[in-house]
PDB file of N, CA and C in Angstrom:
ATOM      1  N   MET A   1      13.986  22.833  -1.699  1.00  0.00           N
ATOM      2  CA  MET A   1      14.858  21.691  -1.727  1.00  0.00           C
ATOM      3  C   MET A   1      14.266  20.531  -0.921  1.00  0.00           C
ATOM      4  N   LEU A   2      13.769  20.868   0.245  1.00  0.00           N
ATOM      5  CA  LEU A   2      13.140  19.835   1.059  1.00  0.00           C
ATOM      6  C   LEU A   2      11.870  19.328   0.387  1.00  0.00           C
ATOM      7  N   LEU A   3      11.188  20.227  -0.316  1.00  0.00           N
ATOM      8  CA  LEU A   3       9.978  19.828  -1.032  1.00  0.00           C
ATOM      9  C   LEU A   3      10.294  18.810  -2.135  1.00  0.00           C
ATOM     10  N   LEU A   4      11.445  18.951  -2.771  1.00  0.00           N
ATOM     11  CA  LEU A   4      11.854  17.968  -3.778  1.00  0.00           C
ATOM     12  C   LEU A   4      12.017  16.585  -3.156  1.00  0.00           C
ATOM     13  N   VAL A   5      12.642  16.523  -1.988  1.00  0.00           N
ATOM     14  CA  VAL A   5      12.866  15.246  -1.319  1.00  0.00           C
ATOM     15  C   VAL A   5      11.538  14.638  -0.870  1.00  0.00           C
ATOM     16  N   ILE A   6      10.649  15.455  -0.328  1.00  0.00           N
ATOM     17  CA  ILE A   6       9.343  14.957   0.129  1.00  0.00           C
ATOM     18  C   ILE A   6       8.517  14.462  -1.051  1.00  0.00           C
ATOM     19  N   THR A   7       8.495  15.236  -2.133  1.00  0.00           N
ATOM     20  CA  THR A   7       7.750  14.838  -3.322  1.00  0.00           C
ATOM     21  C   THR A   7       8.321  13.560  -3.936  1.00  0.00           C
ATOM     22  N   GLY A   8       9.629  13.476  -4.002  1.00  0.00           N
ATOM     23  CA  GLY A   8      10.271  12.272  -4.533  1.00  0.00           C
ATOM     24  C   GLY A   8       9.976  11.059  -3.667  1.00  0.00           C
ATOM     25  N   GLY A   9       9.986  11.246  -2.359  1.00  0.00           N
ATOM     26  CA  GLY A   9       9.648  10.147  -1.460  1.00  0.00           C
ATOM     27  C   GLY A   9       8.213   9.693  -1.633  1.00  0.00           C
ATOM     28  N   GLY A  10       7.311  10.635  -1.841  1.00  0.00           N
ATOM     29  CA  GLY A  10       5.911  10.280  -2.092  1.00  0.00           C
ATOM     30  C   GLY A  10       5.750   9.488  -3.375  1.00  0.00           C
ATOM     31  N   LEU A  11       6.465   9.880  -4.410  1.00  0.00           N
ATOM     32  CA  LEU A  11       6.402   9.143  -5.668  1.00  0.00           C
ATOM     33  C   LEU A  11       6.991   7.740  -5.521  1.00  0.00           C
ATOM     34  N   LEU A  12       8.044   7.617  -4.718  1.00  0.00           N
ATOM     35  CA  LEU A  12       8.613   6.293  -4.471  1.00  0.00           C
ATOM     36  C   LEU A  12       7.629   5.403  -3.713  1.00  0.00           C
ATOM     37  N   LEU A  13       6.913   5.986  -2.762  1.00  0.00           N
ATOM     38  CA  LEU A  13       5.903   5.212  -2.039  1.00  0.00           C
ATOM     39  C   LEU A  13       4.776   4.771  -2.971  1.00  0.00           C
ATOM     40  N   MET A  14       4.380   5.641  -3.878  1.00  0.00           N
ATOM     41  CA  MET A  14       3.343   5.272  -4.851  1.00  0.00           C
ATOM     42  C   MET A  14       3.837   4.159  -5.770  1.00  0.00           C
ATOM     43  N   ALA A  15       5.114   4.182  -6.098  1.00  0.00           N
ATOM     44  CA  ALA A  15       5.671   3.150  -6.979  1.00  0.00           C
ATOM     45  C   ALA A  15       5.740   1.805  -6.274  1.00  0.00           C
ATOM     46  N   CYS A  16       5.794   1.804  -4.951  1.00  0.00           N
ATOM     47  CA  CYS A  16       5.889   0.551  -4.195  1.00  0.00           C
ATOM     48  C   CYS A  16       4.538  -0.134  -4.010  1.00  0.00           C
ATOM     49  N   ASP A  17       3.448   0.510  -4.389  1.00  0.00           N
ATOM     50  CA  ASP A  17       2.117  -0.078  -4.238  1.00  0.00           C
ATOM     51  C   ASP A  17       1.991  -1.253  -5.198  1.00  0.00           C
ATOM     52  N   ARG A  18       1.883  -2.454  -4.665  1.00  0.00           N
ATOM     53  CA  ARG A  18       1.896  -3.662  -5.484  1.00  0.00           C
ATOM     54  C   ARG A  18       0.530  -4.007  -6.075  1.00  0.00           C
ATOM     55  N   ARG A  19      -0.496  -3.266  -5.745  1.00  0.00           N
ATOM     56  CA  ARG A  19      -1.804  -3.556  -6.319  1.00  0.00           C
ATOM     57  C   ARG A  19      -1.888  -3.139  -7.778  1.00  0.00           C
ATOM     58  N   LYS A  20      -0.987  -2.323  -8.209  1.00  0.00           N
ATOM     59  CA  LYS A  20      -1.016  -1.845  -9.583  1.00  0.00           C
ATOM     60  C   LYS A  20      -0.526  -2.930 -10.524  1.00  0.00           C
ATOM     61  N   HIS A  21      -1.170  -3.048 -11.646  1.00  0.00           N
ATOM     62  CA  HIS A  21      -0.819  -4.074 -12.616  1.00  0.00           C
ATOM     63  C   HIS A  21       0.124  -3.551 -13.689  1.00  0.00           C
ATOM     64  N   GLU A  22       0.205  -2.252 -13.839  1.00  0.00           N
ATOM     65  CA  GLU A  22       0.978  -1.654 -14.916  1.00  0.00           C
ATOM     66  C   GLU A  22       2.409  -1.372 -14.453  1.00  0.00           C
ATOM     67  N   LEU A  23       3.345  -2.205 -14.873  1.00  0.00           N
ATOM     68  CA  LEU A  23       4.738  -2.086 -14.454  1.00  0.00           C
ATOM     69  C   LEU A  23       5.371  -0.799 -14.987  1.00  0.00           C
ATOM     70  N   LYS A  24       4.985  -0.398 -16.191  1.00  0.00           N
ATOM     71  CA  LYS A  24       5.562   0.793 -16.814  1.00  0.00           C
ATOM     72  C   LYS A  24       5.305   2.039 -15.962  1.00  0.00           C
ATOM     73  N   GLN A  25       4.095   2.163 -15.422  1.00  0.00           N
ATOM     74  CA  GLN A  25       3.768   3.323 -14.604  1.00  0.00           C
ATOM     75  C   GLN A  25       4.516   3.294 -13.277  1.00  0.00           C
ATOM     76  N   ARG A  26       4.671   2.104 -12.702  1.00  0.00           N
ATOM     77  CA  ARG A  26       5.414   1.995 -11.445  1.00  0.00           C
ATOM     78  C   ARG A  26       6.873   2.363 -11.648  1.00  0.00           C
ATOM     79  N   VAL A  27       7.450   1.932 -12.761  1.00  0.00           N
ATOM     80  CA  VAL A  27       8.851   2.243 -13.053  1.00  0.00           C
ATOM     81  C   VAL A  27       9.004   3.744 -13.288  1.00  0.00           C
ATOM     82  N   THR A  28       8.046   4.353 -13.977  1.00  0.00           N
ATOM     83  CA  THR A  28       8.098   5.797 -14.215  1.00  0.00           C
ATOM     84  C   THR A  28       8.053   6.562 -12.908  1.00  0.00           C
ATOM     85  N   ARG A  29       7.135   6.176 -12.020  1.00  0.00           N
ATOM     86  CA  ARG A  29       7.042   6.850 -10.719  1.00  0.00           C
ATOM     87  C   ARG A  29       8.325   6.663  -9.919  1.00  0.00           C
ATOM     88  N   ALA A  30       8.890   5.474  -9.958  1.00  0.00           N
ATOM     89  CA  ALA A  30      10.122   5.211  -9.216  1.00  0.00           C
ATOM     90  C   ALA A  30      11.289   6.027  -9.778  1.00  0.00           C
ATOM     91  N   ALA A  31      11.389   6.125 -11.096  1.00  0.00           N
ATOM     92  CA  ALA A  31      12.485   6.872 -11.712  1.00  0.00           C
ATOM     93  C   ALA A  31      12.376   8.366 -11.398  1.00  0.00           C
ATOM     94  N   VAL A  32      11.184   8.917 -11.537  1.00  0.00           N
ATOM     95  CA  VAL A  32      10.994  10.345 -11.248  1.00  0.00           C
ATOM     96  C   VAL A  32      11.207  10.612  -9.768  1.00  0.00           C
ATOM     97  N   GLY A  33      10.695   9.738  -8.911  1.00  0.00           N
ATOM     98  CA  GLY A  33      10.887   9.902  -7.476  1.00  0.00           C
ATOM     99  C   GLY A  33      12.346   9.847  -7.084  1.00  0.00           C
ATOM    100  N   THR A  34      13.090   8.916  -7.661  1.00  0.00           N
ATOM    101  CA  THR A  34      14.516   8.805  -7.369  1.00  0.00           C
ATOM    102  C   THR A  34      15.265  10.050  -7.831  1.00  0.00           C
ATOM    103  N   ALA A  35      14.918  10.555  -9.003  1.00  0.00           N
ATOM    104  CA  ALA A  35      15.564  11.766  -9.514  1.00  0.00           C
ATOM    105  C   ALA A  35      15.276  12.962  -8.610  1.00  0.00           C
ATOM    106  N   PHE A  36      14.039  13.084  -8.145  1.00  0.00           N
ATOM    107  CA  PHE A  36      13.686  14.198  -7.261  1.00  0.00           C
ATOM    108  C   PHE A  36      14.434  14.100  -5.941  1.00  0.00           C
ATOM    109  N   VAL A  37      14.477  12.913  -5.354  1.00  0.00           N
ATOM    110  CA  VAL A  37      15.177  12.740  -4.080  1.00  0.00           C
ATOM    111  C   VAL A  37      16.666  13.027  -4.258  1.00  0.00           C
ATOM    112  N   ALA A  38      17.263  12.505  -5.317  1.00  0.00           N
ATOM    113  CA  ALA A  38      18.689  12.706  -5.552  1.00  0.00           C
ATOM    114  C   ALA A  38      19.008  14.189  -5.765  1.00  0.00           C
ATOM    115  N   TYR A  39      18.205  14.873  -6.555  1.00  0.00           N
ATOM    116  CA  TYR A  39      18.462  16.299  -6.815  1.00  0.00           C
ATOM    117  C   TYR A  39      18.245  17.122  -5.551  1.00  0.00           C
ATOM    118  N   GLY A  40      17.204  16.806  -4.795  1.00  0.00           N
ATOM    119  CA  GLY A  40      16.954  17.526  -3.547  1.00  0.00           C
ATOM    120  C   GLY A  40      18.068  17.314  -2.530  1.00  0.00           C
ATOM    121  N   LEU A  41      18.541  16.070  -2.387  1.00  0.00           N
ATOM    122  CA  LEU A  41      19.643  15.804  -1.464  1.00  0.00           C
ATOM    123  C   LEU A  41      20.931  16.473  -1.929  1.00  0.00           C
ATOM    124  N   TYR A  42      21.153  16.480  -3.225  1.00  0.00           N
ATOM    125  CA  TYR A  42      22.336  17.161  -3.763  1.00  0.00           C
ATOM    126  C   TYR A  42      22.285  18.647  -3.414  1.00  0.00           C
ATOM    127  N   LEU A  43      21.131  19.267  -3.608  1.00  0.00           N
ATOM    128  CA  LEU A  43      21.012  20.692  -3.315  1.00  0.00           C
ATOM    129  C   LEU A  43      21.192  20.967  -1.828  1.00  0.00           C
ATOM    130  N   MET A  44      20.666  20.103  -0.976  1.00  0.00           N
ATOM    131  CA  MET A  44      20.771  20.337   0.463  1.00  0.00           C
ATOM    132  C   MET A  44      22.172  20.054   1.001  1.00  0.00           C
ATOM    133  N   LEU A  45      22.833  19.027   0.489  1.00  0.00           N
ATOM    134  CA  LEU A  45      24.094  18.595   1.080  1.00  0.00           C
ATOM    135  C   LEU A  45      25.339  19.185   0.426  1.00  0.00           C
ATOM    136  N   PHE A  46      25.346  19.315  -0.896  1.00  0.00           N
ATOM    137  CA  PHE A  46      26.580  19.661  -1.583  1.00  0.00           C
ATOM    138  C   PHE A  46      26.561  21.025  -2.282  1.00  0.00           C
ATOM    139  N   TYR A  47      25.412  21.549  -2.575  1.00  0.00           N
ATOM    140  CA  TYR A  47      25.314  22.783  -3.341  1.00  0.00           C
ATOM    141  C   TYR A  47      25.550  23.973  -2.417  1.00  0.00           C
ATOM    142  N   ARG A  48      26.435  24.865  -2.789  1.00  0.00           N
ATOM    143  CA  ARG A  48      26.809  25.976  -1.922  1.00  0.00           C
ATOM    144  C   ARG A  48      26.496  27.353  -2.496  1.00  0.00           C
ATOM    145  N   GLY A  49      25.488  27.477  -3.291  1.00  0.00           N
ATOM    146  CA  GLY A  49      25.115  28.801  -3.769  1.00  0.00           C
ATOM    147  C   GLY A  49      25.085  28.870  -5.279  1.00  0.00           C
ATOM    148  N   GLY A  50      24.533  29.958  -5.753  1.00  0.00           N
ATOM    149  CA  GLY A  50      24.433  30.141  -7.187  1.00  0.00           C
ATOM    150  C   GLY A  50      23.008  29.905  -7.656  1.00  0.00           C
ATOM    151  N   MET A  51      22.881  29.728  -8.932  1.00  0.00           N
ATOM    152  CA  MET A  51      21.559  29.567  -9.531  1.00  0.00           C
ATOM    153  C   MET A  51      21.086  28.115  -9.441  1.00  0.00           C
ATOM    154  N   ILE A  52      19.833  27.936  -9.053  1.00  0.00           N
ATOM    155  CA  ILE A  52      19.221  26.609  -8.982  1.00  0.00           C
ATOM    156  C   ILE A  52      18.298  26.459 -10.171  1.00  0.00           C
ATOM    157  N   PHE A  53      18.402  25.349 -10.879  1.00  0.00           N
ATOM    158  CA  PHE A  53      17.588  25.112 -12.064  1.00  0.00           C
ATOM    159  C   PHE A  53      16.346  24.312 -11.690  1.00  0.00           C
ATOM    160  N   LEU A  54      15.206  24.959 -11.646  1.00  0.00           N
ATOM    161  CA  LEU A  54      13.916  24.317 -11.425  1.00  0.00           C
ATOM    162  C   LEU A  54      12.963  24.822 -12.503  1.00  0.00           C
ATOM    163  N   THR A  55      12.258  23.927 -13.107  1.00  0.00           N
ATOM    164  CA  THR A  55      11.275  24.321 -14.107  1.00  0.00           C
ATOM    165  C   THR A  55       9.878  24.071 -13.546  1.00  0.00           C
ATOM    166  N   SER A  56       8.891  24.458 -14.302  1.00  0.00           N
ATOM    167  CA  SER A  56       7.515  24.210 -13.880  1.00  0.00           C
ATOM    168  C   SER A  56       7.197  22.719 -13.908  1.00  0.00           C
ATOM    169  N   LEU A  57       7.992  21.949 -14.642  1.00  0.00           N
ATOM    170  CA  LEU A  57       7.783  20.499 -14.677  1.00  0.00           C
ATOM    171  C   LEU A  57       8.004  19.858 -13.315  1.00  0.00           C
ATOM    172  N   VAL A  58       8.831  20.475 -12.488  1.00  0.00           N
ATOM    173  CA  VAL A  58       9.070  19.964 -11.142  1.00  0.00           C
ATOM    174  C   VAL A  58       7.778  19.981 -10.340  1.00  0.00           C
ATOM    175  N   PHE A  59       6.887  20.888 -10.652  1.00  0.00           N
ATOM    176  CA  PHE A  59       5.622  20.975  -9.933  1.00  0.00           C
ATOM    177  C   PHE A  59       4.500  20.216 -10.647  1.00  0.00           C
ATOM    178  N   ILE A  60       4.553  20.178 -11.962  1.00  0.00           N
ATOM    179  CA  ILE A  60       3.478  19.565 -12.747  1.00  0.00           C
ATOM    180  C   ILE A  60       3.573  18.038 -12.752  1.00  0.00           C
ATOM    181  N   ILE A  61       4.763  17.489 -12.931  1.00  0.00           N
ATOM    182  CA  ILE A  61       4.929  16.029 -13.048  1.00  0.00           C
ATOM    183  C   ILE A  61       4.448  15.283 -11.803  1.00  0.00           C
ATOM    184  N   PRO A  62       4.852  15.674 -10.581  1.00  0.00           N
ATOM    185  CA  PRO A  62       4.363  14.923  -9.412  1.00  0.00           C
ATOM    186  C   PRO A  62       2.854  15.031  -9.224  1.00  0.00           C
ATOM    187  N   ILE A  63       2.292  16.177  -9.537  1.00  0.00           N
ATOM    188  CA  ILE A  63       0.842  16.330  -9.417  1.00  0.00           C
ATOM    189  C   ILE A  63       0.141  15.419 -10.407  1.00  0.00           C
ATOM    190  N   ALA A  64       0.618  15.396 -11.643  1.00  0.00           N
ATOM    191  CA  ALA A  64       0.001  14.534 -12.663  1.00  0.00           C
ATOM    192  C   ALA A  64       0.131  13.059 -12.299  1.00  0.00           C
ATOM    193  N   LEU A  65       1.301  12.643 -11.841  1.00  0.00           N
ATOM    194  CA  LEU A  65       1.496  11.244 -11.458  1.00  0.00           C
ATOM    195  C   LEU A  65       0.676  10.876 -10.226  1.00  0.00           C
ATOM    196  N   GLY A  66       0.545  11.808  -9.298  1.00  0.00           N
ATOM    197  CA  GLY A  66      -0.263  11.562  -8.109  1.00  0.00           C
ATOM    198  C   GLY A  66      -1.743  11.447  -8.431  1.00  0.00           C
ATOM    199  N   VAL A  67      -2.240  12.331  -9.281  1.00  0.00           N
ATOM    200  CA  VAL A  67      -3.649  12.261  -9.689  1.00  0.00           C
ATOM    201  C   VAL A  67      -3.919  10.957 -10.414  1.00  0.00           C
ATOM    202  N   GLN A  68      -3.028  10.553 -11.297  1.00  0.00           N
ATOM    203  CA  GLN A  68      -3.186   9.290 -12.020  1.00  0.00           C
ATOM    204  C   GLN A  68      -3.188   8.113 -11.047  1.00  0.00           C
ATOM    205  N   PHE A  69      -2.315   8.135 -10.050  1.00  0.00           N
ATOM    206  CA  PHE A  69      -2.235   7.060  -9.071  1.00  0.00           C
ATOM    207  C   PHE A  69      -3.543   6.926  -8.296  1.00  0.00           C
ATOM    208  N   PHE A  70      -4.073   8.035  -7.800  1.00  0.00           N
ATOM    209  CA  PHE A  70      -5.285   7.963  -6.991  1.00  0.00           C
ATOM    210  C   PHE A  70      -6.521   7.642  -7.831  1.00  0.00           C
ATOM    211  N   ARG A  71      -6.533   8.038  -9.087  1.00  0.00           N
ATOM    212  CA  ARG A  71      -7.630   7.622  -9.975  1.00  0.00           C
ATOM    213  C   ARG A  71      -7.597   6.121 -10.222  1.00  0.00           C
ATOM    214  N   GLU A  72      -6.415   5.590 -10.479  1.00  0.00           N
ATOM    215  CA  GLU A  72      -6.282   4.144 -10.676  1.00  0.00           C
ATOM    216  C   GLU A  72      -6.684   3.385  -9.418  1.00  0.00           C
ATOM    217  N   ARG A  73      -6.297   3.921  -8.282  1.00  0.00           N
ATOM    218  CA  ARG A  73      -6.637   3.272  -7.010  1.00  0.00           C
ATOM    219  C   ARG A  73      -8.153   3.262  -6.796  1.00  0.00           C
ATOM    220  N   ALA A  74      -8.816   4.366  -7.088  1.00  0.00           N
ATOM    221  CA  ALA A  74     -10.273   4.429  -6.963  1.00  0.00           C
ATOM    222  C   ALA A  74     -10.940   3.485  -7.964  1.00  0.00           C
ATOM    223  N   ASP A  75     -10.411   3.405  -9.179  1.00  0.00           N
ATOM    224  CA  ASP A  75     -10.964   2.485 -10.180  1.00  0.00           C
ATOM    225  C   ASP A  75     -10.814   1.037  -9.737  1.00  0.00           C
ATOM    226  N   ASP A  76      -9.669   0.698  -9.161  1.00  0.00           N
ATOM    227  CA  ASP A  76      -9.456  -0.672  -8.675  1.00  0.00           C
ATOM    228  C   ASP A  76     -10.425  -1.008  -7.547  1.00  0.00           C
ATOM    229  N   LYS A  77     -10.635  -0.054  -6.655  1.00  0.00           N
ATOM    230  CA  LYS A  77     -11.563  -0.285  -5.543  1.00  0.00           C
ATOM    231  C   LYS A  77     -12.979  -0.475  -6.065  1.00  0.00           C
ATOM    232  N   LEU A  78     -13.391   0.345  -7.013  1.00  0.00           N
ATOM    233  CA  LEU A  78     -14.723   0.216  -7.600  1.00  0.00           C
ATOM    234  C   LEU A  78     -14.868  -1.113  -8.333  1.00  0.00           C
ATOM    235  N   ARG A  79     -13.827  -1.520  -9.049  1.00  0.00           N
ATOM    236  CA  ARG A  79     -13.856  -2.795  -9.769  1.00  0.00           C
ATOM    237  C   ARG A  79     -13.997  -3.970  -8.793  1.00  0.00           C
ATOM    238  N   GLN A  80     -13.289  -3.922  -7.672  1.00  0.00           N
ATOM    239  CA  GLN A  80     -13.381  -4.983  -6.679  1.00  0.00           C
ATOM    240  C   GLN A  80     -14.770  -5.033  -6.056  1.00  0.00           C
ATOM    241  N   GLU A  81     -15.360  -3.869  -5.791  1.00  0.00           N
ATOM    242  CA  GLU A  81     -16.718  -3.834  -5.241  1.00  0.00           C
ATOM    243  C   GLU A  81     -17.727  -4.388  -6.232  1.00  0.00           C
ATOM    244  N   MET A  82     -17.575  -4.058  -7.503  1.00  0.00           N
ATOM    245  CA  MET A  82     -18.490  -4.564  -8.521  1.00  0.00           C
ATOM    246  C   MET A  82     -18.348  -6.081  -8.677  1.00  0.00           C
ATOM    247  N   GLU A  83     -17.133  -6.587  -8.618  1.00  0.00           N
ATOM    248  CA  GLU A  83     -16.927  -8.034  -8.696  1.00  0.00           C
ATOM    249  C   GLU A  83     -17.543  -8.734  -7.495  1.00  0.00           C
ATOM    250  N   ALA A  84     -17.434  -8.135  -6.306  1.00  0.00           N
ATOM    251  CA  ALA A  84     -18.028  -8.729  -5.114  1.00  0.00           C
ATOM    252  C   ALA A  84     -19.550  -8.746  -5.226  1.00  0.00           C
ATOM    253  N   LEU A  85     -20.136  -7.671  -5.727  1.00  0.00           N
ATOM    254  CA  LEU A  85     -21.596  -7.633  -5.909  1.00  0.00           C
ATOM    255  C   LEU A  85     -22.037  -8.633  -6.970  1.00  0.00           C
ATOM    256  N   THR A  86     -21.251  -8.767  -8.013  1.00  0.00           N
ATOM    257  CA  THR A  86     -21.588  -9.721  -9.069  1.00  0.00           C
ATOM    258  C   THR A  86     -21.560 -11.142  -8.525  1.00  0.00           C
ATOM    259  N   ARG A  87     -20.554 -11.466  -7.717  1.00  0.00           N
ATOM    260  CA  ARG A  87     -20.486 -12.797  -7.116  1.00  0.00           C
ATOM    261  C   ARG A  87     -21.616 -13.003  -6.112  1.00  0.00           C
ATOM    262  N   GLN A  88     -21.974 -11.964  -5.378  1.00  0.00           N
ATOM    263  CA  GLN A  88     -22.995 -12.085  -4.340  1.00  0.00           C
ATOM    264  C   GLN A  88     -24.370 -12.328  -4.941  1.00  0.00           C
ATOM    265  N   TYR A  89     -24.695 -11.633  -6.009  1.00  0.00           N
ATOM    266  CA  TYR A  89     -26.030 -11.730  -6.590  1.00  0.00           C
ATOM    267  C   TYR A  89     -26.068 -12.558  -7.870  1.00  0.00           C
ATOM    268  N   ALA A  90     -25.058 -13.345  -8.105  1.00  0.00           N
ATOM    269  CA  ALA A  90     -25.029 -14.194  -9.291  1.00  0.00           C
ATOM    270  C   ALA A  90     -26.015 -15.353  -9.116  1.00  0.00           C
ATOM    271  N   PRO A  91     -26.572 -15.843 -10.219  1.00  0.00           N
ATOM    272  CA  PRO A  91     -27.460 -16.999 -10.115  1.00  0.00           C
ATOM    273  C   PRO A  91     -26.723 -18.180  -9.490  1.00  0.00           C
ATOM    274  N   GLY A  92     -27.401 -18.837  -8.563  1.00  0.00           N
ATOM    275  CA  GLY A  92     -26.808 -19.974  -7.885  1.00  0.00           C
ATOM    276  C   GLY A  92     -26.071 -19.604  -6.617  1.00  0.00           C
ATOM    277  N   SER A  93     -25.987 -18.301  -6.304  1.00  0.00           N
ATOM    278  CA  SER A  93     -25.315 -17.908  -5.070  1.00  0.00           C
ATOM    279  C   SER A  93     -26.277 -18.032  -3.896  1.00  0.00           C
ATOM    280  N   ALA A  94     -25.762 -17.905  -2.697  1.00  0.00           N
ATOM    281  CA  ALA A  94     -26.583 -18.101  -1.509  1.00  0.00           C
ATOM    282  C   ALA A  94     -27.660 -17.030  -1.362  1.00  0.00           C
ATOM    283  N   SER A  95     -27.387 -15.797  -1.762  1.00  0.00           N
ATOM    284  CA  SER A  95     -28.365 -14.746  -1.588  1.00  0.00           C
ATOM    285  C   SER A  95     -29.220 -14.522  -2.833  1.00  0.00           C
ATOM    286  N   GLY A  96     -28.788 -15.032  -3.990  1.00  0.00           N
ATOM    287  CA  GLY A  96     -29.568 -14.885  -5.205  1.00  0.00           C
ATOM    288  C   GLY A  96     -30.502 -16.065  -5.373  1.00  0.00           C
ATOM    289  N   GLN A  97     -31.552 -15.888  -6.165  1.00  0.00           N
ATOM    290  CA  GLN A  97     -32.486 -16.977  -6.420  1.00  0.00           C
ATOM    291  C   GLN A  97     -31.955 -17.764  -7.611  1.00  0.00           C
ATOM    292  N   SER A  98     -31.738 -19.043  -7.388  1.00  0.00           N
ATOM    293  CA  SER A  98     -31.104 -19.838  -8.433  1.00  0.00           C
ATOM    294  C   SER A  98     -32.064 -20.242  -9.550  1.00  0.00           C
ATOM    295  N   ASP A  99     -33.339 -20.500  -9.227  1.00  0.00           N
ATOM    296  CA  ASP A  99     -34.242 -20.962 -10.275  1.00  0.00           C
ATOM    297  C   ASP A  99     -35.377 -19.979 -10.565  1.00  0.00           C
ATOM    298  N   GLY A 100     -35.372 -18.834  -9.935  1.00  0.00           N
ATOM    299  CA  GLY A 100     -36.412 -17.846 -10.190  1.00  0.00           C
ATOM    300  C   GLY A 100     -37.719 -18.139  -9.476  1.00  0.00           C
ATOM    301  N   ASN A 101     -37.792 -19.131  -8.608  1.00  0.00           N
ATOM    302  CA  ASN A 101     -38.988 -19.482  -7.882  1.00  0.00           C
ATOM    303  C   ASN A 101     -39.094 -18.592  -6.645  1.00  0.00           C
ATOM    304  N   PRO A 102     -40.112 -17.701  -6.573  1.00  0.00           N
ATOM    305  CA  PRO A 102     -40.206 -16.769  -5.433  1.00  0.00           C
ATOM    306  C   PRO A 102     -40.693 -17.439  -4.154  1.00  0.00           C
ATOM    307  N   THR A 103     -41.123 -18.690  -4.201  1.00  0.00           N
ATOM    308  CA  THR A 103     -41.614 -19.339  -2.983  1.00  0.00           C
ATOM    309  C   THR A 103     -40.490 -19.822  -2.090  1.00  0.00           C
ATOM    310  N   ARG A 104     -39.329 -19.879  -2.561  1.00  0.00           N
ATOM    311  CA  ARG A 104     -38.200 -20.342  -1.740  1.00  0.00           C
ATOM    312  C   ARG A 104     -37.662 -19.273  -0.891  1.00  0.00           C
TER     313      ARG A 104
END
């Protein structure tokens, strides 16, 4: 039960990352995170026994969303580094040779 709340909170934190450009994925993470937190709090606070309904999706969905989040984050970081290198070594930049003359 506590794991549901922790996992849901993690998904909510991932949804709050504003560097992501894809609104659909952020909304999905927020919706799943909210559902996990709500179900976990319900089980901890109001549920008094009996059968608890948990499927394997409770374990698979957060892992899949987390892996997707960290892959996107790594791709964004790599893209930013490549753009910085492109700007740094572009023709006409301070460190690149603008006219191809090696004597300068």
